[in-house]
Amino acid sequence: MIVPDISQNAAAVADHYDDLDPIYRRVWGEHVHHGLWVTGRETPTEAVEALVDTVGDRLRLRPGEACVDIGCGYGSTARLLAVTRGVRVTGFTLSAEQARYAAEHPVPDVDIRVRDWLANGMTDASTDAAWAIESSEHMVDKPGFFAEAHRVLAPGGRLVICAWLAETDAGGWKVRHLLEPICREGRLPSMGTREEYEAMAVAAGFTVAGYEDVSRRVARTWTISARRLVKAILVDREIRRLARGGISVLILPRLILAYRTGAMRYGIFTLSKGPESGTPQESATSRQQEPA
């Protein structure tokens, strides 16, 4: 596990996203996650939505299901899946600014809450499916992240995680000059490897149903973001001020180089919670709809 030399916590993550809200929406867009290029001809918006569709497909979402977006950002992924898949989504974010933006763009069946996932307050076995797109990295207690996801999922529930990952056995200059600074500058309490994520998932009770490394198909996100940031700094005084005070301009070159050298990977995990012993497999939605 890569750990930054300056410890990070949930409050630091919240402050980071609140303070840099204008930059994130201007440079990275309202989804605040990588795009996935399938043909290579997609626009950035199409690539971002392709990643969301991939998550929906791997979760096998069905209309009416109760879902959780862990680290939902501005709620854009939750809104898109609620509209296109007909699901009900509860989203969790640490950022008050992100929640405010989500409240200004409401859609039916999406509820965004400002709350730490590690103290989410949800009922046991109350959710059919959950996803975490580039949010597990911000969790101080990663085993706790998996344990909470397992607890709130109904028997047979599914979890998909899209994660920034460290190269297995990365060391030397890759850690010193790329991975550790990326964790520090990006407010990541730690960055795990594929093997560490799978071990934590299994320890929490999940079965690993699938894994895909899509690093090459998402990497161009950062060259696009770098161009957008340079343009924004040149034309917008407020962005220049925020960039000077709140973000290291080196993080984008670091991310580009981390992907090109293989120091950082991007993985999509598909996990499942098995049926309880002696209990027929049923969804949270079906139980909620049973007559009293």
C-alpha atoms as a PDB file:
ATOM      1  CA  MET A   1       0.000   0.000   0.000  1.00  0.00           C
ATOM      2  CA  ILE A   2       1.397   3.410  -0.986  1.00  0.00           C
ATOM      3  CA  VAL A   3       0.956   5.910   1.869  1.00  0.00           C
ATOM      4  CA  PRO A   4       1.767   9.635   1.523  1.00  0.00           C
ATOM      5  CA  ASP A   5       4.310  11.254   3.799  1.00  0.00           C
ATOM      6  CA  ILE A   6       1.599  13.664   5.011  1.00  0.00           C
ATOM      7  CA  SER A   7      -1.397  11.836   6.496  1.00  0.00           C
ATOM      8  CA  GLN A   8      -4.809  12.514   4.956  1.00  0.00           C
ATOM      9  CA  ASN A   9      -8.253  12.219   6.530  1.00  0.00           C
ATOM     10  CA  ALA A  10     -11.906  12.693   5.557  1.00  0.00           C
ATOM     11  CA  ALA A  11     -11.854  16.377   6.527  1.00  0.00           C
ATOM     12  CA  ALA A  12      -8.871  17.012   4.242  1.00  0.00           C
ATOM     13  CA  VAL A  13     -10.665  15.274   1.375  1.00  0.00           C
ATOM     14  CA  ALA A  14     -13.816  17.357   1.941  1.00  0.00           C
ATOM     15  CA  ASP A  15     -11.830  20.604   2.101  1.00  0.00           C
ATOM     16  CA  HIS A  16      -9.929  19.668  -1.070  1.00  0.00           C
ATOM     17  CA  TYR A  17     -13.089  19.194  -3.122  1.00  0.00           C
ATOM     18  CA  ASP A  18     -14.856  22.198  -1.595  1.00  0.00           C
ATOM     19  CA  ASP A  19     -11.917  24.545  -2.169  1.00  0.00           C
ATOM     20  CA  LEU A  20     -11.196  23.373  -5.717  1.00  0.00           C
ATOM     21  CA  ASP A  21     -14.810  22.982  -6.807  1.00  0.00           C
ATOM     22  CA  PRO A  22     -14.560  25.520  -9.688  1.00  0.00           C
ATOM     23  CA  ILE A  23     -11.407  23.872 -11.050  1.00  0.00           C
ATOM     24  CA  TYR A  24     -12.815  20.375 -10.884  1.00  0.00           C
ATOM     25  CA  ARG A  25     -15.995  21.269 -12.740  1.00  0.00           C
ATOM     26  CA  ARG A  26     -14.126  23.381 -15.287  1.00  0.00           C
ATOM     27  CA  VAL A  27     -11.275  20.967 -15.967  1.00  0.00           C
ATOM     28  CA  TRP A  28     -12.628  17.510 -15.124  1.00  0.00           C
ATOM     29  CA  GLY A  29     -16.361  17.984 -15.611  1.00  0.00           C
ATOM     30  CA  GLU A  30     -19.317  17.178 -13.410  1.00  0.00           C
ATOM     31  CA  HIS A  31     -18.664  13.421 -13.355  1.00  0.00           C
ATOM     32  CA  VAL A  32     -15.203  13.896 -11.769  1.00  0.00           C
ATOM     33  CA  HIS A  33     -13.826  10.601 -13.055  1.00  0.00           C
ATOM     34  CA  HIS A  34     -11.908   9.142 -15.981  1.00  0.00           C
ATOM     35  CA  GLY A  35     -13.328   8.581 -19.412  1.00  0.00           C
ATOM     36  CA  LEU A  36     -13.221   5.148 -21.036  1.00  0.00           C
ATOM     37  CA  TRP A  37     -12.315   5.159 -24.730  1.00  0.00           C
ATOM     38  CA  VAL A  38     -13.682   2.071 -26.448  1.00  0.00           C
ATOM     39  CA  THR A  39     -13.170   2.939 -30.128  1.00  0.00           C
ATOM     40  CA  GLY A  40     -10.759   5.830 -29.554  1.00  0.00           C
ATOM     41  CA  ARG A  41     -13.042   8.195 -31.443  1.00  0.00           C
ATOM     42  CA  GLU A  42     -15.271   9.178 -28.518  1.00  0.00           C
ATOM     43  CA  THR A  43     -15.501  12.744 -27.282  1.00  0.00           C
ATOM     44  CA  PRO A  44     -14.482  13.239 -23.624  1.00  0.00           C
ATOM     45  CA  THR A  45     -18.164  13.380 -22.648  1.00  0.00           C
ATOM     46  CA  GLU A  46     -18.930  10.164 -24.517  1.00  0.00           C
ATOM     47  CA  ALA A  47     -15.916   8.472 -22.904  1.00  0.00           C
ATOM     48  CA  VAL A  48     -17.000   9.511 -19.403  1.00  0.00           C
ATOM     49  CA  GLU A  49     -20.497   8.176 -20.029  1.00  0.00           C
ATOM     50  CA  ALA A  50     -19.013   4.967 -21.468  1.00  0.00           C
ATOM     51  CA  LEU A  51     -17.373   4.310 -18.106  1.00  0.00           C
ATOM     52  CA  VAL A  52     -20.719   4.860 -16.374  1.00  0.00           C
ATOM     53  CA  ASP A  53     -22.417   2.465 -18.810  1.00  0.00           C
ATOM     54  CA  THR A  54     -19.693  -0.104 -18.167  1.00  0.00           C
ATOM     55  CA  VAL A  55     -20.380   0.094 -14.443  1.00  0.00           C
ATOM     56  CA  GLY A  56     -24.123  -0.275 -15.040  1.00  0.00           C
ATOM     57  CA  ASP A  57     -23.557  -3.299 -17.268  1.00  0.00           C
ATOM     58  CA  ARG A  58     -21.263  -5.038 -14.800  1.00  0.00           C
ATOM     59  CA  LEU A  59     -23.789  -4.458 -12.025  1.00  0.00           C
ATOM     60  CA  ARG A  60     -26.583  -5.903 -14.208  1.00  0.00           C
ATOM     61  CA  LEU A  61     -28.851  -3.101 -12.990  1.00  0.00           C
ATOM     62  CA  ARG A  62     -32.581  -3.693 -13.228  1.00  0.00           C
ATOM     63  CA  PRO A  63     -35.386  -1.102 -13.021  1.00  0.00           C
ATOM     64  CA  GLY A  64     -36.564  -0.387  -9.492  1.00  0.00           C
ATOM     65  CA  GLU A  65     -33.439  -1.625  -7.730  1.00  0.00           C
ATOM     66  CA  ALA A  66     -32.085   0.229  -4.724  1.00  0.00           C
ATOM     67  CA  CYS A  67     -28.508   1.374  -5.348  1.00  0.00           C
ATOM     68  CA  VAL A  68     -25.728   3.241  -3.580  1.00  0.00           C
ATOM     69  CA  ASP A  69     -23.158   5.543  -5.174  1.00  0.00           C
ATOM     70  CA  ILE A  70     -20.222   5.567  -2.756  1.00  0.00           C
ATOM     71  CA  GLY A  71     -18.398   8.851  -3.201  1.00  0.00           C
ATOM     72  CA  CYS A  72     -20.918  10.246  -5.667  1.00  0.00           C
ATOM     73  CA  GLY A  73     -19.280  13.622  -6.324  1.00  0.00           C
ATOM     74  CA  TYR A  74     -21.730  15.954  -8.037  1.00  0.00           C
ATOM     75  CA  GLY A  75     -24.256  13.131  -8.425  1.00  0.00           C
ATOM     76  CA  SER A  76     -23.903  12.984 -12.209  1.00  0.00           C
ATOM     77  CA  THR A  77     -23.250   9.242 -12.371  1.00  0.00           C
ATOM     78  CA  ALA A  78     -26.169   8.601 -10.017  1.00  0.00           C
ATOM     79  CA  ARG A  79     -28.445  10.774 -12.160  1.00  0.00           C
ATOM     80  CA  LEU A  80     -27.373   9.115 -15.401  1.00  0.00           C
ATOM     81  CA  LEU A  81     -27.929   5.577 -14.115  1.00  0.00           C
ATOM     82  CA  ALA A  82     -31.230   6.536 -12.478  1.00  0.00           C
ATOM     83  CA  VAL A  83     -32.485   7.877 -15.807  1.00  0.00           C
ATOM     84  CA  THR A  84     -31.048   5.226 -18.140  1.00  0.00           C
ATOM     85  CA  ARG A  85     -31.482   2.138 -15.909  1.00  0.00           C
ATOM     86  CA  GLY A  86     -34.539   3.122 -13.881  1.00  0.00           C
ATOM     87  CA  VAL A  87     -32.865   2.535 -10.515  1.00  0.00           C
ATOM     88  CA  ARG A  88     -33.142   4.410  -7.220  1.00  0.00           C
ATOM     89  CA  VAL A  89     -29.822   5.820  -5.993  1.00  0.00           C
ATOM     90  CA  THR A  90     -28.577   7.106  -2.658  1.00  0.00           C
ATOM     91  CA  GLY A  91     -25.285   8.927  -3.079  1.00  0.00           C
ATOM     92  CA  PHE A  92     -22.689   9.813  -0.448  1.00  0.00           C
ATOM     93  CA  THR A  93     -20.175  12.648  -0.695  1.00  0.00           C
ATOM     94  CA  LEU A  94     -17.925  14.398   1.799  1.00  0.00           C
ATOM     95  CA  SER A  95     -18.149  17.686  -0.104  1.00  0.00           C
ATOM     96  CA  ALA A  96     -20.833  20.249   0.718  1.00  0.00           C
ATOM     97  CA  GLU A  97     -20.102  22.032  -2.567  1.00  0.00           C
ATOM     98  CA  GLN A  98     -20.671  18.864  -4.559  1.00  0.00           C
ATOM     99  CA  ALA A  99     -23.932  18.212  -2.708  1.00  0.00           C
ATOM    100  CA  ARG A 100     -25.051  21.795  -3.356  1.00  0.00           C
ATOM    101  CA  TYR A 101     -24.462  21.354  -7.091  1.00  0.00           C
ATOM    102  CA  ALA A 102     -26.362  18.043  -7.010  1.00  0.00           C
ATOM    103  CA  ALA A 103     -29.303  19.724  -5.237  1.00  0.00           C
ATOM    104  CA  GLU A 104     -29.440  22.292  -8.044  1.00  0.00           C
ATOM    105  CA  HIS A 105     -29.731  19.487 -10.640  1.00  0.00           C
ATOM    106  CA  PRO A 106     -32.297  17.103  -9.134  1.00  0.00           C
ATOM    107  CA  VAL A 107     -33.802  14.081 -10.858  1.00  0.00           C
ATOM    108  CA  PRO A 108     -36.375  11.660  -9.445  1.00  0.00           C
ATOM    109  CA  ASP A 109     -35.119   8.740  -7.355  1.00  0.00           C
ATOM    110  CA  VAL A 110     -31.702  10.259  -6.573  1.00  0.00           C
ATOM    111  CA  ASP A 111     -30.879  11.287  -2.998  1.00  0.00           C
ATOM    112  CA  ILE A 112     -27.461  12.867  -2.355  1.00  0.00           C
ATOM    113  CA  ARG A 113     -26.196  13.003   1.226  1.00  0.00           C
ATOM    114  CA  VAL A 114     -23.204  14.781   2.782  1.00  0.00           C
ATOM    115  CA  ARG A 115     -21.888  11.967   4.913  1.00  0.00           C
ATOM    116  CA  ASP A 116     -18.810   9.801   5.359  1.00  0.00           C
ATOM    117  CA  TRP A 117     -19.327   6.346   3.854  1.00  0.00           C
ATOM    118  CA  LEU A 118     -17.553   4.819   6.834  1.00  0.00           C
ATOM    119  CA  ALA A 119     -20.431   6.095   9.017  1.00  0.00           C
ATOM    120  CA  ASN A 120     -23.210   5.986   6.437  1.00  0.00           C
ATOM    121  CA  GLY A 121     -26.101   5.042   8.736  1.00  0.00           C
ATOM    122  CA  MET A 122     -27.731   2.716   6.219  1.00  0.00           C
ATOM    123  CA  THR A 123     -29.686  -0.349   7.279  1.00  0.00           C
ATOM    124  CA  ASP A 124     -28.157  -3.795   6.888  1.00  0.00           C
ATOM    125  CA  ALA A 125     -28.968  -5.570   3.601  1.00  0.00           C
ATOM    126  CA  SER A 126     -30.933  -2.585   2.322  1.00  0.00           C
ATOM    127  CA  THR A 127     -29.328  -2.217  -1.121  1.00  0.00           C
ATOM    128  CA  ASP A 128     -29.261  -4.299  -4.287  1.00  0.00           C
ATOM    129  CA  ALA A 129     -26.174  -2.814  -5.937  1.00  0.00           C
ATOM    130  CA  ALA A 130     -23.407  -0.348  -5.163  1.00  0.00           C
ATOM    131  CA  TRP A 131     -20.569   1.292  -7.011  1.00  0.00           C
ATOM    132  CA  ALA A 132     -17.512   3.335  -6.089  1.00  0.00           C
ATOM    133  CA  ILE A 133     -15.951   5.190  -9.020  1.00  0.00           C
ATOM    134  CA  GLU A 134     -12.570   6.576  -7.957  1.00  0.00           C
ATOM    135  CA  SER A 135     -13.675   7.116  -4.354  1.00  0.00           C
ATOM    136  CA  SER A 136     -12.195   4.124  -2.515  1.00  0.00           C
ATOM    137  CA  GLU A 137      -8.809   5.816  -2.906  1.00  0.00           C
ATOM    138  CA  HIS A 138     -10.006   8.578  -0.561  1.00  0.00           C
ATOM    139  CA  MET A 139     -11.026   6.150   2.203  1.00  0.00           C
ATOM    140  CA  VAL A 140      -8.827   6.274   5.295  1.00  0.00           C
ATOM    141  CA  ASP A 141     -10.008   2.804   6.323  1.00  0.00           C
ATOM    142  CA  LYS A 142     -10.125   0.727   3.159  1.00  0.00           C
ATOM    143  CA  PRO A 143     -11.042  -2.556   4.879  1.00  0.00           C
ATOM    144  CA  GLY A 144     -13.860  -0.588   6.532  1.00  0.00           C
ATOM    145  CA  PHE A 145     -14.976   0.625   3.100  1.00  0.00           C
ATOM    146  CA  PHE A 146     -15.376  -2.962   1.918  1.00  0.00           C
ATOM    147  CA  ALA A 147     -16.988  -4.073   5.175  1.00  0.00           C
ATOM    148  CA  GLU A 148     -19.624  -1.330   4.995  1.00  0.00           C
ATOM    149  CA  ALA A 149     -20.413  -2.155   1.369  1.00  0.00           C
ATOM    150  CA  HIS A 150     -20.864  -5.813   2.271  1.00  0.00           C
ATOM    151  CA  ARG A 151     -23.060  -4.927   5.248  1.00  0.00           C
ATOM    152  CA  VAL A 152     -25.527  -2.726   3.342  1.00  0.00           C
ATOM    153  CA  LEU A 153     -25.834  -5.045   0.336  1.00  0.00           C
ATOM    154  CA  ALA A 154     -28.611  -7.614   0.273  1.00  0.00           C
ATOM    155  CA  PRO A 155     -27.731 -11.284  -0.281  1.00  0.00           C
ATOM    156  CA  GLY A 156     -26.771 -11.617  -3.928  1.00  0.00           C
ATOM    157  CA  GLY A 157     -25.905  -7.911  -4.098  1.00  0.00           C
ATOM    158  CA  ARG A 158     -23.244  -6.582  -6.463  1.00  0.00           C
ATOM    159  CA  LEU A 159     -20.451  -4.041  -6.043  1.00  0.00           C
ATOM    160  CA  VAL A 160     -18.333  -2.499  -8.805  1.00  0.00           C
ATOM    161  CA  ILE A 161     -15.219  -0.507  -7.954  1.00  0.00           C
ATOM    162  CA  CYS A 162     -13.269   1.622 -10.425  1.00  0.00           C
ATOM    163  CA  ALA A 163      -9.957   2.411  -8.756  1.00  0.00           C
ATOM    164  CA  TRP A 164      -6.606   4.084  -9.161  1.00  0.00           C
ATOM    165  CA  LEU A 165      -4.127   1.336  -8.331  1.00  0.00           C
ATOM    166  CA  ALA A 166      -0.410   1.152  -7.707  1.00  0.00           C
ATOM    167  CA  GLU A 167       1.649  -1.159  -9.861  1.00  0.00           C
ATOM    168  CA  THR A 168       2.338  -4.420  -8.081  1.00  0.00           C
ATOM    169  CA  ASP A 169       5.794  -4.271  -6.460  1.00  0.00           C
ATOM    170  CA  ALA A 170       6.350  -0.658  -7.527  1.00  0.00           C
ATOM    171  CA  GLY A 171       9.376   0.819  -5.838  1.00  0.00           C
ATOM    172  CA  GLY A 172      12.233   3.248  -6.124  1.00  0.00           C
ATOM    173  CA  TRP A 173      11.664   6.389  -8.178  1.00  0.00           C
ATOM    174  CA  LYS A 174       8.128   5.339  -9.165  1.00  0.00           C
ATOM    175  CA  VAL A 175       7.059   5.563  -5.534  1.00  0.00           C
ATOM    176  CA  ARG A 176       9.184   8.594  -4.592  1.00  0.00           C
ATOM    177  CA  HIS A 177       8.446  10.782  -7.607  1.00  0.00           C
ATOM    178  CA  LEU A 178       5.073   9.540  -8.856  1.00  0.00           C
ATOM    179  CA  LEU A 179       2.876   7.475  -6.547  1.00  0.00           C
ATOM    180  CA  GLU A 180       3.607   9.064  -3.159  1.00  0.00           C
ATOM    181  CA  PRO A 181       3.258  12.637  -4.508  1.00  0.00           C
ATOM    182  CA  ILE A 182       0.053  11.695  -6.346  1.00  0.00           C
ATOM    183  CA  CYS A 183      -1.384  10.409  -3.054  1.00  0.00           C
ATOM    184  CA  ARG A 184      -0.275  13.540  -1.193  1.00  0.00           C
ATOM    185  CA  GLU A 185      -1.436  16.053  -3.808  1.00  0.00           C
ATOM    186  CA  GLY A 186      -4.668  14.210  -4.576  1.00  0.00           C
ATOM    187  CA  ARG A 187      -5.634  13.743  -0.903  1.00  0.00           C
ATOM    188  CA  LEU A 188      -5.435   9.952  -1.065  1.00  0.00           C
ATOM    189  CA  PRO A 189      -4.750   8.407   2.364  1.00  0.00           C
ATOM    190  CA  SER A 190      -3.340   5.394   0.504  1.00  0.00           C
ATOM    191  CA  MET A 191      -3.209   3.712  -2.890  1.00  0.00           C
ATOM    192  CA  GLY A 192      -3.478  -0.071  -3.071  1.00  0.00           C
ATOM    193  CA  THR A 193      -2.578  -2.685  -5.634  1.00  0.00           C
ATOM    194  CA  ARG A 194      -4.957  -5.056  -7.367  1.00  0.00           C
ATOM    195  CA  GLU A 195      -3.894  -7.835  -5.034  1.00  0.00           C
ATOM    196  CA  GLU A 196      -4.485  -5.729  -1.926  1.00  0.00           C
ATOM    197  CA  TYR A 197      -7.956  -4.707  -3.102  1.00  0.00           C
ATOM    198  CA  GLU A 198      -8.927  -8.289  -3.839  1.00  0.00           C
ATOM    199  CA  ALA A 199      -7.611  -9.465  -0.469  1.00  0.00           C
ATOM    200  CA  MET A 200      -9.635  -6.794   1.357  1.00  0.00           C
ATOM    201  CA  ALA A 201     -12.741  -7.653  -0.666  1.00  0.00           C
ATOM    202  CA  VAL A 202     -12.466 -11.349   0.157  1.00  0.00           C
ATOM    203  CA  ALA A 203     -11.792 -10.596   3.830  1.00  0.00           C
ATOM    204  CA  ALA A 204     -15.037  -8.571   3.910  1.00  0.00           C
ATOM    205  CA  GLY A 205     -16.987 -11.529   2.520  1.00  0.00           C
ATOM    206  CA  PHE A 206     -17.129 -10.728  -1.198  1.00  0.00           C
ATOM    207  CA  THR A 207     -16.459 -13.027  -4.110  1.00  0.00           C
ATOM    208  CA  VAL A 208     -14.319 -11.471  -6.841  1.00  0.00           C
ATOM    209  CA  ALA A 209     -16.411 -12.085  -9.956  1.00  0.00           C
ATOM    210  CA  GLY A 210     -14.233 -10.131 -12.357  1.00  0.00           C
ATOM    211  CA  TYR A 211     -11.365  -7.717 -12.847  1.00  0.00           C
ATOM    212  CA  GLU A 212     -10.306  -5.687 -15.865  1.00  0.00           C
ATOM    213  CA  ASP A 213      -7.275  -3.434 -16.264  1.00  0.00           C
ATOM    214  CA  VAL A 214      -8.354  -0.563 -18.530  1.00  0.00           C
ATOM    215  CA  SER A 215      -5.348   1.700 -17.944  1.00  0.00           C
ATOM    216  CA  ARG A 216      -4.621   2.262 -21.625  1.00  0.00           C
ATOM    217  CA  ARG A 217      -8.257   3.079 -22.347  1.00  0.00           C
ATOM    218  CA  VAL A 218      -8.554   5.747 -19.658  1.00  0.00           C
ATOM    219  CA  ALA A 219      -5.079   7.330 -19.694  1.00  0.00           C
ATOM    220  CA  ARG A 220      -5.866  10.092 -22.190  1.00  0.00           C
ATOM    221  CA  THR A 221      -8.143  11.636 -19.545  1.00  0.00           C
ATOM    222  CA  TRP A 222      -5.068  13.367 -18.131  1.00  0.00           C
ATOM    223  CA  THR A 223      -3.715  14.874 -21.353  1.00  0.00           C
ATOM    224  CA  ILE A 224      -7.180  16.312 -21.973  1.00  0.00           C
ATOM    225  CA  SER A 225      -7.376  17.608 -18.402  1.00  0.00           C
ATOM    226  CA  ALA A 226      -3.904  19.157 -18.673  1.00  0.00           C
ATOM    227  CA  ARG A 227      -4.897  21.062 -21.824  1.00  0.00           C
ATOM    228  CA  ARG A 228      -8.106  22.254 -20.179  1.00  0.00           C
ATOM    229  CA  LEU A 229      -6.258  23.416 -17.068  1.00  0.00           C
ATOM    230  CA  VAL A 230      -3.674  25.379 -19.048  1.00  0.00           C
ATOM    231  CA  LYS A 231      -6.430  27.057 -21.055  1.00  0.00           C
ATOM    232  CA  ALA A 232      -8.429  27.864 -17.924  1.00  0.00           C
ATOM    233  CA  ILE A 233      -5.389  29.354 -16.160  1.00  0.00           C
ATOM    234  CA  LEU A 234      -4.676  31.575 -19.157  1.00  0.00           C
ATOM    235  CA  VAL A 235      -8.185  33.023 -19.434  1.00  0.00           C
ATOM    236  CA  ASP A 236      -9.670  32.906 -15.929  1.00  0.00           C
ATOM    237  CA  ARG A 237      -8.241  34.919 -13.030  1.00  0.00           C
ATOM    238  CA  GLU A 238     -10.179  32.931 -10.402  1.00  0.00           C
ATOM    239  CA  ILE A 239      -8.843  29.640 -11.752  1.00  0.00           C
ATOM    240  CA  ARG A 240      -5.315  31.089 -11.644  1.00  0.00           C
ATOM    241  CA  ARG A 241      -5.811  32.058  -8.004  1.00  0.00           C
ATOM    242  CA  LEU A 242      -7.135  28.645  -7.041  1.00  0.00           C
ATOM    243  CA  ALA A 243      -4.411  26.854  -8.971  1.00  0.00           C
ATOM    244  CA  ARG A 244      -1.700  28.848  -7.168  1.00  0.00           C
ATOM    245  CA  GLY A 245      -3.160  28.223  -3.738  1.00  0.00           C
ATOM    246  CA  GLY A 246      -4.782  24.818  -3.797  1.00  0.00           C
ATOM    247  CA  ILE A 247      -3.415  22.432  -6.405  1.00  0.00           C
ATOM    248  CA  SER A 248       0.010  21.304  -7.489  1.00  0.00           C
ATOM    249  CA  VAL A 249       0.410  21.842 -11.213  1.00  0.00           C
ATOM    250  CA  LEU A 250       2.785  18.886 -11.184  1.00  0.00           C
ATOM    251  CA  ILE A 251       0.060  16.361 -10.393  1.00  0.00           C
ATOM    252  CA  LEU A 252      -1.150  16.220 -14.009  1.00  0.00           C
ATOM    253  CA  PRO A 253       2.312  15.508 -15.494  1.00  0.00           C
ATOM    254  CA  ARG A 254       2.838  12.978 -12.713  1.00  0.00           C
ATOM    255  CA  LEU A 255      -0.400  11.192 -13.592  1.00  0.00           C
ATOM    256  CA  ILE A 256       0.434  11.159 -17.300  1.00  0.00           C
ATOM    257  CA  LEU A 257       3.893   9.715 -16.582  1.00  0.00           C
ATOM    258  CA  ALA A 258       2.532   7.247 -14.006  1.00  0.00           C
ATOM    259  CA  TYR A 259       0.276   5.714 -16.633  1.00  0.00           C
ATOM    260  CA  ARG A 260       2.940   5.715 -19.340  1.00  0.00           C
ATOM    261  CA  THR A 261       5.467   3.951 -17.110  1.00  0.00           C
ATOM    262  CA  GLY A 262       2.938   1.520 -15.651  1.00  0.00           C
ATOM    263  CA  ALA A 263       3.501   2.821 -12.122  1.00  0.00           C
ATOM    264  CA  MET A 264      -0.226   3.464 -11.830  1.00  0.00           C
ATOM    265  CA  ARG A 265      -3.001   1.222 -13.096  1.00  0.00           C
ATOM    266  CA  TYR A 266      -6.756   1.668 -13.467  1.00  0.00           C
ATOM    267  CA  GLY A 267      -8.806  -1.362 -12.545  1.00  0.00           C
ATOM    268  CA  ILE A 268     -12.491  -2.268 -12.573  1.00  0.00           C
ATOM    269  CA  PHE A 269     -13.482  -4.855  -9.948  1.00  0.00           C
ATOM    270  CA  THR A 270     -16.781  -6.721 -10.027  1.00  0.00           C
ATOM    271  CA  LEU A 271     -17.674  -8.197  -6.636  1.00  0.00           C
ATOM    272  CA  SER A 272     -20.664 -10.154  -5.377  1.00  0.00           C
ATOM    273  CA  LYS A 273     -22.151 -10.931  -1.995  1.00  0.00           C
ATOM    274  CA  GLY A 274     -23.294 -14.504  -1.690  1.00  0.00           C
ATOM    275  CA  PRO A 275     -26.762 -15.563  -0.522  1.00  0.00           C
ATOM    276  CA  GLU A 276     -27.098 -16.049   3.202  1.00  0.00           C
ATOM    277  CA  SER A 277     -26.882 -19.638   4.373  1.00  0.00           C
ATOM    278  CA  GLY A 278     -30.278 -21.298   4.182  1.00  0.00           C
ATOM    279  CA  THR A 279     -31.970 -18.150   2.867  1.00  0.00           C
ATOM    280  CA  PRO A 280     -33.327 -17.928  -0.685  1.00  0.00           C
ATOM    281  CA  GLN A 281     -31.517 -15.256  -2.693  1.00  0.00           C
ATOM    282  CA  GLU A 282     -33.663 -12.128  -2.910  1.00  0.00           C
ATOM    283  CA  SER A 283     -33.108  -8.467  -3.575  1.00  0.00           C
ATOM    284  CA  ALA A 284     -33.491  -5.560  -1.172  1.00  0.00           C
ATOM    285  CA  THR A 285     -36.109  -4.169  -3.515  1.00  0.00           C
ATOM    286  CA  SER A 286     -38.219  -7.343  -3.462  1.00  0.00           C
ATOM    287  CA  ARG A 287     -38.171  -7.444   0.334  1.00  0.00           C
ATOM    288  CA  GLN A 288     -39.127  -3.784   0.577  1.00  0.00           C
ATOM    289  CA  GLN A 289     -42.089  -4.425  -1.695  1.00  0.00           C
ATOM    290  CA  GLU A 290     -43.458  -7.354   0.296  1.00  0.00           C
ATOM    291  CA  PRO A 291     -46.706  -6.646   2.158  1.00  0.00           C
ATOM    292  CA  ALA A 292     -46.369  -6.198   5.911  1.00  0.00           C
END
